[in-house]
């Protein structure tokens, strides 16, 4: 299920109209309609507001293999916060991020325990796909690169 399908399914489960969800999430009704139809992908800020309005985990709404319900577990909360911040950073520097269920031939279609996702990053006519694990590794490499640049700047200021 893609993000638009998840939004629509949850909205209907909760007995909300698109107009009501728009009001709860502070997102326009037109945007809700476009997200649900797949005509537009919500940006991270919209995902945050939709997840909050629908009372679900942002990561789950984006398609990650995390619990659907909002978790109070500090570890999961930290992971979601880090992931959300990283995605916001990528969007801030004008990358388009998409999350889709991994439907490659080597995956069993209804194996929910092993359901994985592909993360697609696009900018300037260049598109790269990552598995979940590759995306986590990519995130870690970027984080370490930033830490190293800060370390170098700090050392040169001594």
N, C-alpha and C. Protein backbone atom coordinates (compact mmCIF):
# COMPACT_ATOMS: atom_id res chain seq x y z
N UNK A 1 0.85 -1.17 0.00
CA UNK A 1 0.00 0.00 0.00
C UNK A 1 0.90 1.24 0.00
N UNK A 2 0.66 2.18 -0.92
CA UNK A 2 1.46 3.41 -0.94
C UNK A 2 0.88 4.42 0.06
N UNK A 3 1.56 5.54 0.19
CA UNK A 3 1.15 6.52 1.21
C UNK A 3 -0.26 7.06 0.97
N UNK A 4 -0.61 7.30 -0.29
CA UNK A 4 -1.95 7.80 -0.60
C UNK A 4 -3.02 6.79 -0.22
N UNK A 5 -2.75 5.51 -0.50
CA UNK A 5 -3.70 4.46 -0.13
C UNK A 5 -3.83 4.34 1.38
N UNK A 6 -2.71 4.51 2.09
CA UNK A 6 -2.75 4.44 3.55
C UNK A 6 -3.57 5.59 4.13
N UNK A 7 -3.37 6.78 3.58
CA UNK A 7 -4.13 7.95 4.05
C UNK A 7 -5.62 7.72 3.85
N UNK A 8 -5.99 7.29 2.64
CA UNK A 8 -7.40 7.07 2.32
C UNK A 8 -8.01 5.98 3.20
N UNK A 9 -7.29 4.88 3.34
CA UNK A 9 -7.78 3.76 4.15
C UNK A 9 -8.00 4.19 5.60
N UNK A 10 -7.02 4.88 6.18
CA UNK A 10 -7.14 5.33 7.57
C UNK A 10 -8.27 6.35 7.73
N UNK A 11 -8.36 7.25 6.77
CA UNK A 11 -9.42 8.28 6.83
C UNK A 11 -10.78 7.60 6.87
N UNK A 12 -10.97 6.61 5.99
CA UNK A 12 -12.26 5.91 5.93
C UNK A 12 -12.50 5.09 7.20
N UNK A 13 -11.44 4.42 7.70
CA UNK A 13 -11.56 3.65 8.95
C UNK A 13 -12.03 4.53 10.10
N UNK A 14 -11.56 5.76 10.10
CA UNK A 14 -11.91 6.68 11.18
C UNK A 14 -13.20 7.45 10.90
N UNK A 15 -13.83 7.15 9.76
CA UNK A 15 -15.10 7.77 9.41
C UNK A 15 -15.00 9.26 9.09
N UNK A 16 -13.86 9.65 8.54
CA UNK A 16 -13.65 11.07 8.22
C UNK A 16 -13.84 11.33 6.73
N UNK A 17 -14.34 12.50 6.41
CA UNK A 17 -14.37 12.94 5.02
C UNK A 17 -13.03 13.60 4.72
N UNK A 18 -12.76 13.84 3.44
CA UNK A 18 -11.53 14.54 3.08
C UNK A 18 -11.53 15.94 3.70
N UNK A 19 -12.69 16.56 3.73
CA UNK A 19 -12.81 17.90 4.30
C UNK A 19 -12.48 17.89 5.79
N UNK A 20 -12.98 16.88 6.51
CA UNK A 20 -12.71 16.78 7.95
C UNK A 20 -11.23 16.52 8.21
N UNK A 21 -10.63 15.63 7.41
CA UNK A 21 -9.19 15.37 7.57
C UNK A 21 -8.38 16.62 7.26
N UNK A 22 -8.81 17.36 6.26
CA UNK A 22 -8.13 18.61 5.91
C UNK A 22 -8.14 19.57 7.10
N UNK A 23 -9.28 19.68 7.75
CA UNK A 23 -9.39 20.58 8.90
C UNK A 23 -8.52 20.09 10.07
N UNK A 24 -8.56 18.79 10.35
CA UNK A 24 -7.77 18.23 11.45
C UNK A 24 -6.27 18.36 11.23
N UNK A 25 -5.85 18.27 9.98
CA UNK A 25 -4.42 18.26 9.66
C UNK A 25 -3.88 19.61 9.21
N UNK A 26 -4.77 20.59 9.04
CA UNK A 26 -4.38 21.91 8.52
C UNK A 26 -3.76 21.82 7.13
N UNK A 27 -4.27 20.88 6.34
CA UNK A 27 -3.83 20.68 4.95
C UNK A 27 -5.07 20.88 4.08
N UNK A 28 -4.90 21.47 2.91
CA UNK A 28 -6.07 21.75 2.07
C UNK A 28 -6.75 20.45 1.62
N UNK A 29 -8.05 20.56 1.42
CA UNK A 29 -8.83 19.41 0.95
C UNK A 29 -8.33 18.95 -0.42
N UNK A 30 -7.94 19.89 -1.26
CA UNK A 30 -7.41 19.55 -2.59
C UNK A 30 -6.14 18.72 -2.46
N UNK A 31 -5.26 19.10 -1.54
CA UNK A 31 -4.03 18.34 -1.32
C UNK A 31 -4.34 16.93 -0.84
N UNK A 32 -5.27 16.80 0.10
CA UNK A 32 -5.68 15.48 0.60
C UNK A 32 -6.14 14.62 -0.58
N UNK A 33 -6.99 15.19 -1.42
CA UNK A 33 -7.51 14.47 -2.59
C UNK A 33 -6.36 14.01 -3.49
N UNK A 34 -5.40 14.89 -3.74
CA UNK A 34 -4.28 14.56 -4.62
C UNK A 34 -3.36 13.51 -3.99
N UNK A 35 -3.16 13.57 -2.68
CA UNK A 35 -2.35 12.54 -2.01
C UNK A 35 -3.03 11.18 -2.15
N UNK A 36 -4.32 11.14 -1.87
CA UNK A 36 -5.06 9.88 -1.91
C UNK A 36 -5.11 9.30 -3.32
N UNK A 37 -5.19 10.14 -4.32
CA UNK A 37 -5.25 9.64 -5.70
C UNK A 37 -3.87 9.31 -6.26
N UNK A 38 -2.83 9.71 -5.55
CA UNK A 38 -1.47 9.45 -6.02
C UNK A 38 -0.96 10.50 -6.99
N UNK A 39 -1.73 11.58 -7.19
CA UNK A 39 -1.29 12.65 -8.09
C UNK A 39 -0.17 13.48 -7.50
N UNK A 40 -0.05 13.46 -6.18
CA UNK A 40 0.99 14.24 -5.50
C UNK A 40 1.49 13.45 -4.30
N UNK A 41 2.78 13.57 -4.01
CA UNK A 41 3.37 12.96 -2.83
C UNK A 41 3.48 14.02 -1.73
N UNK A 42 3.00 13.71 -0.53
CA UNK A 42 3.09 14.70 0.54
C UNK A 42 4.54 14.91 0.97
N UNK A 43 4.87 16.14 1.29
CA UNK A 43 6.19 16.45 1.84
C UNK A 43 6.19 16.05 3.32
N UNK A 44 7.37 16.06 3.92
CA UNK A 44 7.50 15.58 5.29
C UNK A 44 6.62 16.35 6.27
N UNK A 45 6.50 17.64 6.11
CA UNK A 45 5.67 18.43 7.01
C UNK A 45 4.21 17.98 6.93
N UNK A 46 3.72 17.72 5.73
CA UNK A 46 2.34 17.24 5.55
C UNK A 46 2.18 15.85 6.16
N UNK A 47 3.19 15.01 5.99
CA UNK A 47 3.14 13.65 6.57
C UNK A 47 3.03 13.75 8.08
N UNK A 48 3.79 14.65 8.67
CA UNK A 48 3.74 14.85 10.12
C UNK A 48 2.32 15.22 10.55
N UNK A 49 1.73 16.20 9.88
CA UNK A 49 0.38 16.66 10.25
C UNK A 49 -0.68 15.58 9.99
N UNK A 50 -0.54 14.84 8.90
CA UNK A 50 -1.49 13.76 8.61
C UNK A 50 -1.38 12.65 9.64
N UNK A 51 -0.14 12.26 9.97
CA UNK A 51 0.06 11.20 10.96
C UNK A 51 -0.52 11.61 12.31
N UNK A 52 -0.32 12.85 12.67
CA UNK A 52 -0.86 13.34 13.94
C UNK A 52 -2.39 13.33 13.91
N UNK A 53 -2.97 13.82 12.82
CA UNK A 53 -4.44 13.86 12.70
C UNK A 53 -5.04 12.46 12.68
N UNK A 54 -4.34 11.51 12.06
CA UNK A 54 -4.85 10.14 11.95
C UNK A 54 -4.39 9.26 13.11
N UNK A 55 -3.56 9.83 13.99
CA UNK A 55 -3.04 9.15 15.17
C UNK A 55 -2.28 7.87 14.81
N UNK A 56 -1.35 8.01 13.86
CA UNK A 56 -0.49 6.90 13.47
C UNK A 56 0.96 7.36 13.44
N UNK A 57 1.85 6.40 13.42
CA UNK A 57 3.28 6.65 13.34
C UNK A 57 3.63 7.21 11.96
N UNK A 58 4.41 8.28 11.91
CA UNK A 58 4.82 8.87 10.62
C UNK A 58 5.53 7.85 9.74
N UNK A 59 6.44 7.10 10.35
CA UNK A 59 7.19 6.09 9.59
C UNK A 59 6.26 5.07 8.96
N UNK A 60 5.25 4.63 9.70
CA UNK A 60 4.29 3.67 9.15
C UNK A 60 3.53 4.29 7.99
N UNK A 61 3.10 5.53 8.16
CA UNK A 61 2.35 6.21 7.11
C UNK A 61 3.20 6.32 5.84
N UNK A 62 4.52 6.52 6.00
CA UNK A 62 5.42 6.62 4.85
C UNK A 62 5.72 5.25 4.24
N UNK A 63 5.35 4.18 4.95
CA UNK A 63 5.56 2.85 4.40
C UNK A 63 6.67 2.06 5.05
N UNK A 64 7.28 2.59 6.10
CA UNK A 64 8.36 1.86 6.75
C UNK A 64 7.80 0.73 7.61
N UNK A 65 8.63 -0.25 7.85
CA UNK A 65 8.26 -1.41 8.62
C UNK A 65 8.39 -1.10 10.12
N UNK A 66 7.49 -0.25 10.60
CA UNK A 66 7.43 0.12 12.01
C UNK A 66 5.99 -0.05 12.45
N UNK A 67 5.75 -0.12 13.76
CA UNK A 67 4.37 -0.26 14.22
C UNK A 67 3.49 0.89 13.74
N UNK A 68 2.24 0.57 13.42
CA UNK A 68 1.29 1.57 12.93
C UNK A 68 0.98 2.60 14.01
N UNK A 69 0.79 2.12 15.22
CA UNK A 69 0.40 3.02 16.31
C UNK A 69 1.58 3.86 16.74
N UNK A 70 1.27 5.06 17.20
CA UNK A 70 2.32 5.92 17.74
C UNK A 70 2.89 5.21 18.97
N UNK A 71 4.20 5.12 19.03
CA UNK A 71 4.87 4.41 20.12
C UNK A 71 5.48 5.39 21.10
N UNK A 72 5.40 5.05 22.36
CA UNK A 72 6.03 5.88 23.38
C UNK A 72 7.46 5.39 23.64
N UNK A 73 7.79 4.23 23.11
CA UNK A 73 9.12 3.67 23.29
C UNK A 73 10.17 4.68 22.82
N UNK A 74 11.07 5.05 23.70
CA UNK A 74 12.06 6.10 23.39
C UNK A 74 12.93 5.74 22.19
N UNK A 75 13.29 4.48 22.07
CA UNK A 75 14.15 4.07 20.96
C UNK A 75 13.45 4.28 19.63
N UNK A 76 12.21 3.80 19.52
CA UNK A 76 11.47 3.99 18.27
C UNK A 76 11.20 5.47 18.01
N UNK A 77 10.91 6.21 19.07
CA UNK A 77 10.67 7.64 18.90
C UNK A 77 11.92 8.33 18.38
N UNK A 78 13.08 7.93 18.90
CA UNK A 78 14.34 8.54 18.44
C UNK A 78 14.59 8.19 16.98
N UNK A 79 14.33 6.94 16.60
CA UNK A 79 14.53 6.55 15.21
C UNK A 79 13.60 7.34 14.30
N UNK A 80 12.35 7.46 14.68
CA UNK A 80 11.40 8.20 13.86
C UNK A 80 11.81 9.66 13.75
N UNK A 81 12.25 10.24 14.87
CA UNK A 81 12.67 11.64 14.87
C UNK A 81 13.89 11.83 13.97
N UNK A 82 14.87 10.93 14.09
CA UNK A 82 16.06 11.02 13.24
C UNK A 82 15.69 10.87 11.77
N UNK A 83 14.84 9.90 11.47
CA UNK A 83 14.43 9.68 10.09
C UNK A 83 13.68 10.90 9.56
N UNK A 84 12.76 11.41 10.35
CA UNK A 84 11.99 12.59 9.95
C UNK A 84 12.91 13.78 9.70
N UNK A 85 13.85 14.00 10.60
CA UNK A 85 14.79 15.12 10.44
C UNK A 85 15.63 14.95 9.19
N UNK A 86 16.09 13.74 8.94
CA UNK A 86 16.91 13.48 7.76
C UNK A 86 16.11 13.73 6.48
N UNK A 87 14.88 13.27 6.45
CA UNK A 87 14.04 13.47 5.27
C UNK A 87 13.75 14.96 5.08
N UNK A 88 13.48 15.67 6.17
CA UNK A 88 13.27 17.13 6.08
C UNK A 88 14.51 17.81 5.52
N UNK A 89 15.69 17.36 5.96
CA UNK A 89 16.94 17.93 5.45
C UNK A 89 17.04 17.71 3.94
N UNK A 90 16.80 16.48 3.49
CA UNK A 90 16.88 16.19 2.05
C UNK A 90 15.88 17.03 1.27
N UNK A 91 14.67 17.17 1.80
CA UNK A 91 13.66 17.99 1.12
C UNK A 91 14.06 19.47 1.12
N UNK A 92 14.70 19.92 2.19
CA UNK A 92 15.13 21.32 2.27
C UNK A 92 16.16 21.65 1.20
N UNK A 93 16.96 20.67 0.82
CA UNK A 93 17.94 20.90 -0.24
C UNK A 93 17.41 20.40 -1.58
N UNK A 94 16.07 20.37 -1.67
CA UNK A 94 15.33 20.17 -2.92
C UNK A 94 15.38 18.76 -3.50
N UNK A 95 15.50 17.74 -2.66
CA UNK A 95 15.39 16.36 -3.13
C UNK A 95 13.94 15.92 -2.96
N UNK A 96 13.46 15.13 -3.91
CA UNK A 96 12.13 14.53 -3.83
C UNK A 96 12.31 13.12 -3.27
N UNK A 97 11.59 12.80 -2.21
CA UNK A 97 11.71 11.50 -1.55
C UNK A 97 10.39 10.76 -1.71
N UNK A 98 10.48 9.50 -2.15
CA UNK A 98 9.28 8.65 -2.27
C UNK A 98 9.55 7.31 -1.58
N UNK A 99 8.50 6.76 -1.01
CA UNK A 99 8.57 5.46 -0.35
C UNK A 99 7.55 4.55 -1.01
N UNK A 100 7.99 3.38 -1.45
CA UNK A 100 7.08 2.43 -2.09
C UNK A 100 7.38 1.03 -1.59
N UNK A 101 6.33 0.21 -1.54
CA UNK A 101 6.52 -1.17 -1.13
C UNK A 101 7.43 -1.87 -2.14
N UNK A 102 8.36 -2.68 -1.62
CA UNK A 102 9.28 -3.42 -2.47
C UNK A 102 8.53 -4.60 -3.09
N UNK A 103 8.30 -4.53 -4.39
CA UNK A 103 7.54 -5.58 -5.09
C UNK A 103 8.43 -6.41 -6.01
N UNK A 104 9.72 -6.46 -5.71
CA UNK A 104 10.62 -7.25 -6.55
C UNK A 104 10.23 -8.72 -6.50
N UNK A 105 10.60 -9.44 -7.53
CA UNK A 105 10.21 -10.85 -7.68
C UNK A 105 10.62 -11.74 -6.52
N UNK A 106 11.72 -11.42 -5.84
CA UNK A 106 12.19 -12.29 -4.76
C UNK A 106 11.41 -12.09 -3.46
N UNK A 107 10.42 -11.22 -3.46
CA UNK A 107 9.60 -10.98 -2.27
C UNK A 107 8.28 -11.73 -2.39
N UNK A 108 7.84 -12.29 -1.28
CA UNK A 108 6.53 -12.96 -1.27
C UNK A 108 5.46 -11.87 -1.14
N UNK A 109 4.42 -11.89 -1.99
CA UNK A 109 3.45 -10.80 -2.03
C UNK A 109 2.73 -10.49 -0.73
N UNK A 110 2.38 -11.49 0.06
CA UNK A 110 1.60 -11.21 1.27
C UNK A 110 2.36 -11.51 2.55
N UNK A 111 3.66 -11.43 2.50
CA UNK A 111 4.50 -11.72 3.66
C UNK A 111 4.70 -10.44 4.47
N UNK A 112 3.72 -10.08 5.30
CA UNK A 112 3.76 -8.80 6.04
C UNK A 112 4.92 -8.71 7.01
N UNK A 113 5.35 -9.86 7.57
CA UNK A 113 6.47 -9.82 8.51
C UNK A 113 7.76 -9.40 7.84
N UNK A 114 7.89 -9.70 6.56
CA UNK A 114 9.11 -9.37 5.84
C UNK A 114 8.89 -8.26 4.82
N UNK A 115 7.81 -7.50 4.97
CA UNK A 115 7.50 -6.42 4.04
C UNK A 115 8.60 -5.36 4.11
N UNK A 116 9.13 -5.01 2.96
CA UNK A 116 10.18 -4.00 2.91
C UNK A 116 9.80 -2.93 1.90
N UNK A 117 10.55 -1.84 1.93
CA UNK A 117 10.23 -0.71 1.08
C UNK A 117 11.45 -0.21 0.34
N UNK A 118 11.17 0.42 -0.77
CA UNK A 118 12.20 1.05 -1.59
C UNK A 118 12.06 2.56 -1.37
N UNK A 119 13.18 3.22 -1.13
CA UNK A 119 13.20 4.67 -0.97
C UNK A 119 13.83 5.24 -2.23
N UNK A 120 13.12 6.14 -2.90
CA UNK A 120 13.61 6.76 -4.12
C UNK A 120 13.91 8.22 -3.85
N UNK A 121 15.11 8.64 -4.23
CA UNK A 121 15.53 10.03 -4.06
C UNK A 121 15.80 10.60 -5.45
N UNK A 122 15.20 11.76 -5.74
CA UNK A 122 15.35 12.38 -7.07
C UNK A 122 15.70 13.85 -6.96
N UNK A 123 16.54 14.28 -7.90
CA UNK A 123 16.86 15.70 -8.04
C UNK A 123 17.58 15.89 -9.37
N UNK A 124 17.24 16.96 -10.08
CA UNK A 124 17.92 17.31 -11.33
C UNK A 124 17.99 16.14 -12.31
N UNK A 125 16.87 15.48 -12.53
CA UNK A 125 16.77 14.35 -13.47
C UNK A 125 17.64 13.15 -13.11
N UNK A 126 18.06 13.07 -11.86
CA UNK A 126 18.80 11.91 -11.37
C UNK A 126 17.94 11.25 -10.30
N UNK A 127 17.74 9.94 -10.44
CA UNK A 127 16.93 9.19 -9.48
C UNK A 127 17.72 7.99 -9.00
N UNK A 128 17.72 7.80 -7.68
CA UNK A 128 18.43 6.68 -7.08
C UNK A 128 17.46 5.95 -6.17
N UNK A 129 17.46 4.62 -6.25
CA UNK A 129 16.61 3.80 -5.37
C UNK A 129 17.47 3.12 -4.32
N UNK A 130 16.95 3.07 -3.10
CA UNK A 130 17.61 2.41 -1.98
C UNK A 130 16.64 1.41 -1.36
N UNK A 131 17.17 0.28 -0.91
CA UNK A 131 16.37 -0.59 -0.04
C UNK A 131 16.34 0.11 1.32
N UNK A 132 15.51 -0.38 2.24
CA UNK A 132 15.47 0.22 3.57
C UNK A 132 16.85 0.22 4.22
N UNK A 133 17.54 -0.93 4.15
CA UNK A 133 18.86 -1.03 4.76
C UNK A 133 19.86 -0.09 4.10
N UNK A 134 19.82 0.00 2.79
CA UNK A 134 20.72 0.91 2.07
C UNK A 134 20.43 2.37 2.45
N UNK A 135 19.14 2.70 2.63
CA UNK A 135 18.78 4.07 3.00
C UNK A 135 19.29 4.39 4.40
N UNK A 136 19.17 3.43 5.32
CA UNK A 136 19.68 3.64 6.68
C UNK A 136 21.20 3.84 6.64
N UNK A 137 21.88 3.05 5.80
CA UNK A 137 23.33 3.19 5.65
C UNK A 137 23.67 4.56 5.03
N UNK A 138 22.91 4.97 4.02
CA UNK A 138 23.08 6.28 3.39
C UNK A 138 22.93 7.39 4.43
N UNK A 139 21.89 7.28 5.25
CA UNK A 139 21.64 8.25 6.30
C UNK A 139 22.83 8.31 7.26
N UNK A 140 23.36 7.16 7.63
CA UNK A 140 24.50 7.09 8.55
C UNK A 140 25.75 7.72 7.93
N UNK A 141 25.99 7.47 6.64
CA UNK A 141 27.15 8.05 5.96
C UNK A 141 27.05 9.57 5.94
N UNK A 142 25.87 10.09 5.64
CA UNK A 142 25.67 11.55 5.62
C UNK A 142 25.91 12.12 7.02
N UNK A 143 25.37 11.46 8.02
CA UNK A 143 25.53 11.91 9.41
C UNK A 143 27.01 11.95 9.79
N UNK A 144 27.75 10.89 9.45
CA UNK A 144 29.18 10.84 9.77
C UNK A 144 29.96 11.89 9.00
N UNK A 145 29.57 12.15 7.76
CA UNK A 145 30.24 13.18 6.96
C UNK A 145 30.07 14.55 7.60
N UNK A 146 28.87 14.83 8.06
CA UNK A 146 28.61 16.12 8.71
C UNK A 146 29.43 16.22 10.00
N UNK A 147 29.43 15.15 10.79
CA UNK A 147 30.21 15.15 12.03
C UNK A 147 31.69 15.37 11.75
N UNK A 148 32.21 14.77 10.68
CA UNK A 148 33.62 14.92 10.33
C UNK A 148 33.91 16.36 9.91
N UNK A 149 33.03 16.95 9.12
CA UNK A 149 33.23 18.34 8.69
C UNK A 149 33.21 19.29 9.89
N UNK A 150 32.35 19.03 10.85
CA UNK A 150 32.30 19.84 12.07
C UNK A 150 33.59 19.66 12.86
N UNK A 151 34.06 18.43 12.96
CA UNK A 151 35.31 18.14 13.64
C UNK A 151 36.46 18.90 12.98
N UNK A 152 36.55 18.84 11.64
CA UNK A 152 37.62 19.54 10.91
C UNK A 152 37.56 21.04 11.15
N UNK A 153 36.35 21.60 11.10
CA UNK A 153 36.19 23.03 11.33
C UNK A 153 36.62 23.41 12.74
N UNK A 154 36.27 22.57 13.70
CA UNK A 154 36.65 22.81 15.09
C UNK A 154 38.16 22.74 15.26
N UNK A 155 38.80 21.77 14.63
CA UNK A 155 40.26 21.61 14.72
C UNK A 155 40.99 22.80 14.09
N UNK A 156 40.46 23.31 13.00
CA UNK A 156 41.13 24.44 12.33
C UNK A 156 40.95 25.75 13.10
N UNK A 157 39.98 25.78 14.01
CA UNK A 157 39.76 26.98 14.82
C UNK A 157 40.59 27.00 16.09
N UNK A 158 41.34 25.95 16.34
CA UNK A 158 42.14 25.87 17.58
C UNK A 158 43.44 26.61 17.43
